[in-house]
Protein backbone atom coordinates (compact mmCIF):
# COMPACT_ATOMS: atom_id res chain seq x y z
CA MET A 1 16.27 13.75 -24.42
CA PRO A 2 13.19 14.72 -22.33
CA SER A 3 13.79 16.51 -19.05
CA TRP A 4 11.88 17.88 -16.08
CA LYS A 5 12.76 20.70 -13.68
CA GLY A 6 11.88 21.31 -10.06
CA LYS A 7 13.22 21.64 -6.55
CA HIS A 8 14.87 18.45 -5.32
CA TRP A 9 12.71 16.84 -2.64
CA LYS A 10 15.70 16.35 -0.32
CA THR A 11 17.95 19.35 -0.89
CA GLY A 12 15.48 22.01 -2.01
CA ARG A 13 17.87 22.97 -4.80
CA ALA A 14 16.70 23.52 -8.37
CA VAL A 15 17.51 20.51 -10.55
CA GLU A 16 16.89 19.26 -14.05
CA ILE A 17 16.30 15.54 -14.49
CA SER A 18 16.89 14.09 -17.94
CA VAL A 19 15.58 10.69 -18.96
CA LEU A 20 16.85 8.10 -21.41
CA SER A 21 15.27 4.72 -22.19
CA GLY A 22 12.97 4.79 -19.18
CA ARG A 23 15.70 5.60 -16.67
CA ILE A 24 17.07 8.73 -15.07
CA HIS A 25 20.06 9.74 -17.16
CA SER A 26 21.25 12.72 -15.13
CA VAL A 27 20.30 15.02 -12.27
CA GLU A 28 21.93 18.42 -12.70
CA GLU A 29 21.62 21.51 -10.52
CA THR A 30 20.39 24.57 -12.41
CA GLU A 31 20.19 28.30 -11.78
CA ASP A 32 16.49 28.38 -12.61
CA ASP A 33 14.02 29.30 -9.89
CA HIS A 34 11.42 26.58 -9.39
CA ALA A 35 9.89 28.00 -6.24
CA ASP A 36 6.46 26.60 -7.00
CA VAL A 37 7.25 22.99 -7.92
CA TRP A 38 9.10 20.13 -6.26
CA ILE A 39 10.31 16.85 -7.73
CA ALA A 40 10.51 13.51 -5.89
CA PRO A 41 10.31 9.75 -6.48
CA ALA A 42 6.82 8.54 -7.39
CA LEU A 43 4.78 6.87 -4.67
CA MET A 44 4.41 3.10 -4.22
CA ASP A 45 1.28 1.76 -2.53
CA LEU A 46 1.55 -1.71 -1.02
CA GLN A 47 -2.17 -2.10 -0.30
CA VAL A 48 -4.82 -1.13 -2.84
CA ASN A 49 -8.15 -2.98 -2.78
CA GLY A 50 -9.54 -0.92 -5.64
CA ILE A 51 -10.14 2.75 -6.37
CA ASP A 52 -12.30 5.13 -8.41
CA GLY A 53 -15.35 2.88 -8.34
CA VAL A 54 -13.44 -0.29 -9.24
CA ASN A 55 -13.18 -3.22 -6.82
CA TYR A 56 -10.30 -5.63 -7.50
CA ASN A 57 -12.36 -8.22 -5.65
CA GLY A 58 -15.60 -7.49 -7.47
CA ARG A 59 -17.52 -10.11 -9.39
CA TYR A 60 -17.96 -7.95 -12.48
CA THR A 61 -14.57 -6.20 -12.58
CA THR A 62 -12.82 -6.28 -15.96
CA ALA A 63 -9.23 -6.05 -17.13
CA GLU A 64 -10.08 -2.75 -18.80
CA ALA A 65 -11.40 -1.36 -15.52
CA ILE A 66 -8.19 -2.38 -13.74
CA ALA A 67 -6.17 -0.57 -16.42
CA GLY A 68 -8.33 2.49 -15.75
CA THR A 69 -7.41 2.41 -12.07
CA VAL A 70 -3.73 2.50 -13.01
CA ARG A 71 -4.32 5.79 -14.81
CA TYR A 72 -6.27 7.07 -11.82
CA LEU A 73 -3.46 6.09 -9.44
CA HIS A 74 -1.08 8.08 -11.64
CA SER A 75 -3.19 11.14 -10.81
CA CYS A 76 -2.50 10.38 -7.14
CA GLY A 77 1.26 10.24 -7.74
CA VAL A 78 1.39 6.43 -7.52
CA ALA A 79 3.53 4.78 -10.19
CA ARG A 80 3.63 1.25 -8.76
CA PHE A 81 1.38 -0.65 -6.37
CA LEU A 82 0.23 -4.01 -5.03
CA PRO A 83 -3.41 -4.78 -5.83
CA THR A 84 -4.85 -6.66 -2.87
CA VAL A 85 -6.95 -9.81 -3.10
CA THR A 86 -8.95 -10.10 0.11
CA SER A 87 -10.23 -13.21 1.90
CA CYS A 88 -12.45 -15.38 -0.26
CA SER A 89 -13.03 -18.95 -1.42
CA GLN A 90 -10.33 -20.70 -3.38
CA GLU A 91 -12.41 -20.48 -6.55
CA GLU A 92 -12.79 -16.73 -6.12
CA ALA A 93 -9.10 -16.28 -5.32
CA LEU A 94 -8.03 -18.04 -8.50
CA SER A 95 -10.50 -16.01 -10.56
CA ARG A 96 -9.31 -12.69 -9.09
CA LEU A 97 -5.67 -13.58 -9.62
CA ALA A 98 -6.35 -14.62 -13.20
CA LEU A 99 -8.10 -11.30 -13.87
CA LEU A 100 -5.15 -9.29 -12.54
CA VAL A 101 -2.80 -11.33 -14.73
CA GLN A 102 -5.09 -10.74 -17.72
CA ALA A 103 -4.98 -6.99 -17.05
CA CYS A 104 -1.17 -7.08 -16.94
CA GLU A 105 -0.85 -9.12 -20.11
CA ALA A 106 -3.27 -6.86 -21.99
CA ASP A 107 -1.63 -3.54 -21.14
CA PRO A 108 2.12 -2.82 -20.70
CA ILE A 109 1.42 0.23 -18.52
CA THR A 110 -0.63 -1.89 -16.12
CA ASP A 111 1.97 -4.65 -16.22
CA TYR A 112 4.66 -2.22 -15.06
CA ALA A 113 2.49 -0.49 -12.47
CA ILE A 114 1.54 -3.72 -10.73
CA ALA A 115 4.72 -4.52 -8.82
CA GLY A 116 3.17 -7.71 -7.45
CA ILE A 117 -0.04 -8.99 -5.90
CA HIS A 118 -0.89 -8.97 -2.19
CA MET A 119 -3.04 -11.78 -0.78
CA GLU A 120 -4.67 -10.46 2.38
CA GLY A 121 -6.18 -13.64 3.75
CA PRO A 122 -7.97 -15.96 3.98
CA TYR A 123 -5.50 -17.27 6.59
CA LEU A 124 -6.53 -14.64 9.15
CA SER A 125 -8.15 -14.59 12.58
CA ALA A 126 -11.83 -15.51 12.56
CA ASP A 127 -12.47 -13.43 15.71
CA ASP A 128 -14.60 -10.31 15.55
CA GLY A 129 -12.26 -7.33 15.63
CA PRO A 130 -9.06 -8.84 14.24
CA ARG A 131 -11.05 -10.21 11.30
CA GLY A 132 -12.07 -6.67 10.38
CA ALA A 133 -14.40 -6.55 7.39
CA HIS A 134 -13.27 -9.94 6.05
CA ALA A 135 -15.96 -12.62 5.74
CA ALA A 136 -15.91 -15.04 8.69
CA LYS A 137 -17.12 -17.99 6.62
CA VAL A 138 -13.98 -18.10 4.45
CA MET A 139 -11.39 -17.83 7.25
CA ARG A 140 -9.23 -20.95 7.35
CA ASP A 141 -5.82 -22.35 8.22
CA PRO A 142 -2.94 -22.00 5.76
CA ASP A 143 -2.92 -24.62 3.03
CA TRP A 144 0.26 -24.98 0.97
CA ASN A 145 -1.51 -26.67 -1.93
CA GLU A 146 -3.94 -23.75 -2.09
CA PHE A 147 -1.00 -21.39 -2.17
CA LEU A 148 0.66 -23.33 -4.99
CA ALA A 149 -2.54 -22.93 -7.00
CA TRP A 150 -2.45 -19.17 -6.31
CA GLU A 151 1.12 -19.05 -7.48
CA GLU A 152 0.26 -20.83 -10.71
CA ALA A 153 -2.72 -18.55 -11.36
CA ALA A 154 -0.65 -15.44 -10.62
CA LYS A 155 2.09 -16.46 -13.06
CA GLY A 156 4.92 -15.31 -10.82
CA ARG A 157 3.27 -12.09 -9.68
CA LEU A 158 2.58 -12.97 -6.03
CA ARG A 159 4.64 -10.65 -3.86
CA LYS A 160 3.09 -10.53 -0.40
CA VAL A 161 0.81 -12.71 1.75
CA THR A 162 -0.76 -11.57 5.03
CA VAL A 163 -1.19 -14.30 7.65
CA ALA A 164 -2.33 -14.53 11.27
CA PRO A 165 0.51 -16.38 13.08
CA GLU A 166 -1.88 -18.13 15.50
CA ARG A 167 -3.54 -20.16 12.74
CA LYS A 168 -2.66 -23.85 12.68
CA GLY A 169 0.36 -24.38 10.42
CA ALA A 170 0.99 -20.63 10.01
CA ILE A 171 4.60 -20.64 11.20
CA GLU A 172 5.67 -23.34 8.75
CA PHE A 173 3.65 -21.60 6.03
CA ILE A 174 5.53 -18.35 6.72
CA ARG A 175 8.82 -20.23 6.54
CA LYS A 176 7.91 -21.64 3.12
CA LEU A 177 6.80 -18.24 1.81
CA THR A 178 10.11 -16.75 2.87
CA GLU A 179 12.07 -19.52 1.16
CA ARG A 180 10.24 -18.63 -2.08
CA GLY A 181 11.13 -14.95 -1.75
CA ILE A 182 7.59 -13.83 -0.97
CA ILE A 183 6.97 -11.24 1.74
CA ALA A 184 5.21 -12.85 4.69
CA ALA A 185 3.24 -10.22 6.60
CA ILE A 186 1.49 -10.39 9.96
CA GLY A 187 -2.02 -8.99 10.04
CA HIS A 188 -5.63 -9.41 11.17
CA THR A 189 -4.29 -11.33 14.13
CA GLY A 190 -4.95 -11.98 17.79
CA ALA A 191 -1.59 -13.68 18.28
CA THR A 192 0.36 -13.81 21.51
CA GLU A 193 3.79 -12.20 21.85
CA GLU A 194 5.32 -15.66 21.55
CA GLN A 195 3.45 -16.38 18.31
CA ILE A 196 4.54 -13.03 16.86
CA ALA A 197 8.16 -13.87 17.74
CA LEU A 198 7.89 -17.31 16.12
CA ALA A 199 6.47 -15.75 12.95
CA VAL A 200 9.34 -13.28 12.73
CA ASP A 201 11.91 -16.00 13.39
CA ALA A 202 10.30 -17.96 10.53
CA GLY A 203 10.78 -15.01 8.18
CA ALA A 204 7.84 -12.60 8.55
CA THR A 205 9.09 -9.11 7.69
CA MET A 206 6.05 -6.83 7.73
CA SER A 207 3.00 -5.85 9.75
CA THR A 208 -0.01 -5.23 7.52
CA HIS A 209 -1.70 -1.95 8.54
CA LEU A 210 -0.29 -2.07 12.07
CA GLY A 211 -2.74 -0.93 14.74
CA ASN A 212 -5.76 -2.06 12.72
CA GLY A 213 -7.44 -5.39 12.16
CA ALA A 214 -7.52 -5.64 15.96
CA HIS A 215 -9.91 -5.96 18.90
CA PRO A 216 -11.59 -2.62 19.70
CA VAL A 217 -10.50 -3.08 23.33
CA LEU A 218 -7.14 -4.64 24.21
CA LYS A 219 -5.29 -5.53 27.39
CA ARG A 220 -2.94 -2.60 28.10
CA HIS A 221 0.16 -4.79 27.76
CA PRO A 222 1.37 -7.13 26.56
CA ASN A 223 -0.57 -7.38 23.31
CA TYR A 224 0.02 -8.10 19.63
CA ILE A 225 0.32 -4.44 18.65
CA TRP A 226 3.13 -3.71 21.11
CA ALA A 227 4.82 -6.98 20.13
CA GLN A 228 4.97 -5.93 16.48
CA LEU A 229 5.79 -2.30 17.20
CA GLY A 230 8.78 -3.32 19.30
CA GLU A 231 10.09 -5.92 16.83
CA ASP A 232 12.95 -4.28 14.94
CA ARG A 233 12.86 -6.86 12.15
CA LEU A 234 9.31 -5.94 11.12
CA TRP A 235 8.41 -3.21 8.66
CA ALA A 236 5.07 -1.57 9.42
CA GLY A 237 2.39 -0.55 6.96
CA LEU A 238 0.56 2.48 8.39
CA ILE A 239 -2.70 4.00 7.17
CA ALA A 240 -2.53 7.79 7.44
CA ASP A 241 -6.14 8.64 6.62
CA GLY A 242 -6.67 10.18 10.06
CA PHE A 243 -9.23 7.54 11.07
CA HIS A 244 -7.47 4.18 11.23
CA LEU A 245 -4.76 5.68 13.44
CA PRO A 246 -5.32 8.92 15.37
CA PRO A 247 -2.53 11.41 14.62
CA SER A 248 -0.88 10.90 18.02
CA THR A 249 -0.84 7.12 17.53
CA LEU A 250 0.41 7.43 13.96
CA LYS A 251 3.19 9.76 15.09
CA SER A 252 4.26 7.38 17.86
CA MET A 253 4.34 4.40 15.50
CA ILE A 254 6.36 6.31 12.92
CA ARG A 255 8.83 7.34 15.60
CA ALA A 256 9.10 3.74 16.83
CA LYS A 257 9.53 2.19 13.37
CA GLY A 258 11.74 4.89 11.86
CA SER A 259 13.22 3.70 8.58
CA LYS A 260 10.82 0.73 8.54
CA ALA A 261 7.64 2.80 8.55
CA ILE A 262 5.72 2.57 5.27
CA LEU A 263 2.66 4.63 4.39
CA VAL A 264 -0.08 2.60 2.69
CA SER A 265 -3.58 3.59 1.67
CA ASP A 266 -5.70 0.42 2.05
CA THR A 267 -8.03 2.32 -0.24
CA ASN A 268 -10.95 0.78 -2.09
CA MET A 269 -13.59 1.44 -4.72
CA LEU A 270 -15.33 4.04 -2.53
CA GLU A 271 -12.42 6.48 -2.71
CA GLY A 272 -13.97 9.60 -4.17
CA ALA A 273 -17.55 8.42 -3.62
CA PRO A 274 -20.01 10.73 -1.82
CA PRO A 275 -21.14 9.98 1.74
CA GLY A 276 -23.76 7.26 1.94
CA THR A 277 -24.52 3.59 2.51
CA TYR A 278 -23.02 1.09 0.07
CA GLU A 279 -22.81 -2.61 -0.62
CA TYR A 280 -19.13 -3.49 -0.52
CA GLY A 281 -18.26 -7.15 -0.90
CA VAL A 282 -20.35 -9.12 1.59
CA ASN A 283 -20.88 -6.08 3.81
CA GLU A 284 -23.10 -3.03 4.02
CA VAL A 285 -20.78 -0.12 4.73
CA ILE A 286 -21.23 3.53 5.55
CA LYS A 287 -19.07 6.39 4.37
CA ASP A 288 -19.69 9.38 6.60
CA ALA A 289 -19.32 13.07 5.78
CA GLU A 290 -15.74 13.09 7.07
CA GLY A 291 -14.74 10.21 4.79
CA ARG A 292 -14.59 7.50 7.44
CA LEU A 293 -15.63 4.09 6.08
CA PHE A 294 -17.05 1.47 8.46
CA LEU A 295 -19.38 -1.52 8.72
CA ALA A 296 -23.03 -0.54 9.13
CA ALA A 297 -23.53 -3.42 11.57
CA SER A 298 -20.35 -2.65 13.57
CA PRO A 299 -19.40 1.05 13.46
CA ASP A 300 -16.18 0.34 15.37
CA ILE A 301 -14.90 -1.81 12.49
CA PHE A 302 -13.34 -0.07 9.51
CA ALA A 303 -14.04 -1.29 5.96
CA GLY A 304 -10.77 -0.10 4.49
CA SER A 305 -9.91 3.48 3.67
CA ALA A 306 -11.57 5.88 1.26
CA LEU A 307 -8.45 8.01 0.72
CA ALA A 308 -5.65 7.50 -1.79
CA LEU A 309 -1.98 7.49 -0.78
CA ASN A 310 -1.35 11.11 -1.80
CA GLU A 311 -3.82 12.18 0.89
CA GLY A 312 -1.90 10.13 3.44
CA VAL A 313 1.28 11.94 2.43
CA ALA A 314 -0.48 15.28 2.86
CA ASN A 315 -1.81 14.23 6.26
CA ILE A 316 1.67 13.62 7.64
CA ALA A 317 2.40 17.31 7.08
CA ARG A 318 -1.12 18.45 7.94
CA PHE A 319 -1.01 16.65 11.32
CA GLY A 320 2.41 18.07 12.13
CA ILE A 321 4.00 14.61 12.21
CA GLY A 322 6.68 15.29 9.62
CA SER A 323 7.53 17.09 6.40
CA VAL A 324 6.18 16.22 2.97
CA SER A 325 9.66 14.98 2.09
CA GLU A 326 9.63 12.60 5.06
CA ALA A 327 6.17 11.39 4.12
CA ILE A 328 7.24 10.70 0.53
CA GLU A 329 10.19 8.73 1.83
CA MET A 330 7.79 6.49 3.77
CA ALA A 331 5.46 6.17 0.78
CA SER A 332 8.18 5.55 -1.79
CA THR A 333 11.74 4.83 -0.66
CA HIS A 334 10.80 2.59 2.26
CA ALA A 335 8.27 0.68 0.15
CA ALA A 336 10.88 0.12 -2.57
CA GLU A 337 13.32 -1.18 0.03
CA LEU A 338 10.84 -3.73 1.36
CA LEU A 339 9.96 -4.90 -2.15
CA GLY A 340 13.64 -5.29 -3.04
CA LEU A 341 13.35 -2.65 -5.76
CA ALA A 342 15.69 -0.14 -4.14
CA GLN A 343 18.67 -2.15 -5.40
CA ASP A 344 17.65 -0.97 -8.87
CA GLY A 345 17.34 2.63 -7.67
CA ALA A 346 13.57 2.67 -7.24
CA GLY A 347 12.39 5.16 -4.65
CA SER A 348 15.22 7.55 -5.47
CA LEU A 349 16.25 10.19 -8.02
CA MET A 350 19.69 8.74 -8.64
CA PRO A 351 21.06 8.47 -12.18
CA GLY A 352 20.30 4.99 -13.44
CA ALA A 353 17.14 4.65 -11.36
CA PRO A 354 13.80 3.92 -13.03
CA ALA A 355 12.35 7.21 -14.27
CA ASP A 356 9.36 7.13 -11.93
CA PHE A 357 8.92 10.51 -10.29
CA ILE A 358 6.40 13.19 -9.45
CA LEU A 359 6.28 16.96 -9.65
CA TYR A 360 4.21 18.46 -6.86
CA ASP A 361 3.14 21.62 -5.10
CA SER A 362 3.63 21.94 -1.36
CA GLY A 363 2.65 24.70 1.04
CA GLU A 364 0.42 25.58 3.94
CA SER A 365 -2.61 26.12 1.72
CA ASP A 366 -1.95 23.04 -0.39
CA TRP A 367 -0.03 20.51 1.68
CA PHE A 368 0.67 18.14 -1.19
CA ARG A 369 -0.79 18.31 -4.69
CA VAL A 370 0.50 16.14 -7.51
CA ARG A 371 1.17 18.27 -10.56
CA GLU A 372 2.61 15.58 -12.84
CA THR A 373 3.44 11.87 -12.63
CA VAL A 374 6.21 10.39 -14.76
CA SER A 375 6.52 6.62 -15.04
CA GLN A 376 9.02 4.76 -17.21
CA GLY A 377 10.22 8.16 -18.37
CA ILE A 378 6.82 9.06 -19.83
CA SER A 379 4.44 11.67 -18.47
CA ARG A 380 1.37 9.67 -17.43
CA TYR A 381 -0.60 12.44 -15.72
CA THR A 382 -0.60 16.24 -15.72
CA PHE A 383 -2.84 18.24 -13.42
CA GLY A 384 -5.65 19.97 -15.29
CA GLN A 385 -5.24 17.92 -18.46
């Protein structure tokens, strides 16, 4: 029976985790000293647009390339994630969904890693600012028949849809999503407080990258950010790259949301790319020397993040917002709870839980470095190998 040893991410005590048939069989305290390695649940990323040079929304992306990103995400400590299909025509949406399904059907590791698909648009605000880097020409009102075609193309893998509540028909659309067990998220919106409340009453349960996809300048209050931040029924996806949310803002949002704060990456194909100007989707984007990614034509508008989720975890500690353990909880346990996977033990190290966990180094000189990623009880990545 394979086993792994390290300091428990919650207690700090040395433990040995044994695995049987892809699940945690036992977690036993040991007398061994594992001062240099910690063990915690693997990360779950609810918003990945692509990574390592691969764009999930790219015209020439292949199933093999998607499988390659799964292996790369393992190196970041991510065992499960939601690939994100961004706003596009219906023809493009169906093609992108079909490709993700093809990748899952061709490779069992990819099939397990993809915990569902996130549709971010096209039912978003068409206004500059809230629209972000999404193409204005494809913004439209929710269409249930379009959604049914997505569902058929995705073969049961749709898990989350981001909608702007102010769009015509959005509230009823959210209600229907909820009835089908799909997470309805609020995002890229210029909605009023009343529209936010109606969306939540209809079943919306999450804010997609709260604080972003917004006007550069907002009325002090009320506004749609405060309305979502103060709504206890909404989980909040938060990008901790240090650019989308300044550390003080990120800290305040985490404090406000508490157990419903979820770290997401919103990363894309330019993660790991050198600084420069790139063609990304329909936009020309700039990645500066600090790693900030923005539209060349509108420097105030971000074009996603260029950092993976493990860097967001490190930033929580680096910025003095919380401990690495607290950051992992937001990037794993909370995500599993929203997805409904916590009932099966996901996001924990309990016996019987899926054997998805990471071994990592943590300290002042190395805030958070993934040493090994285990998924389905199999070592998928080891640092330096």
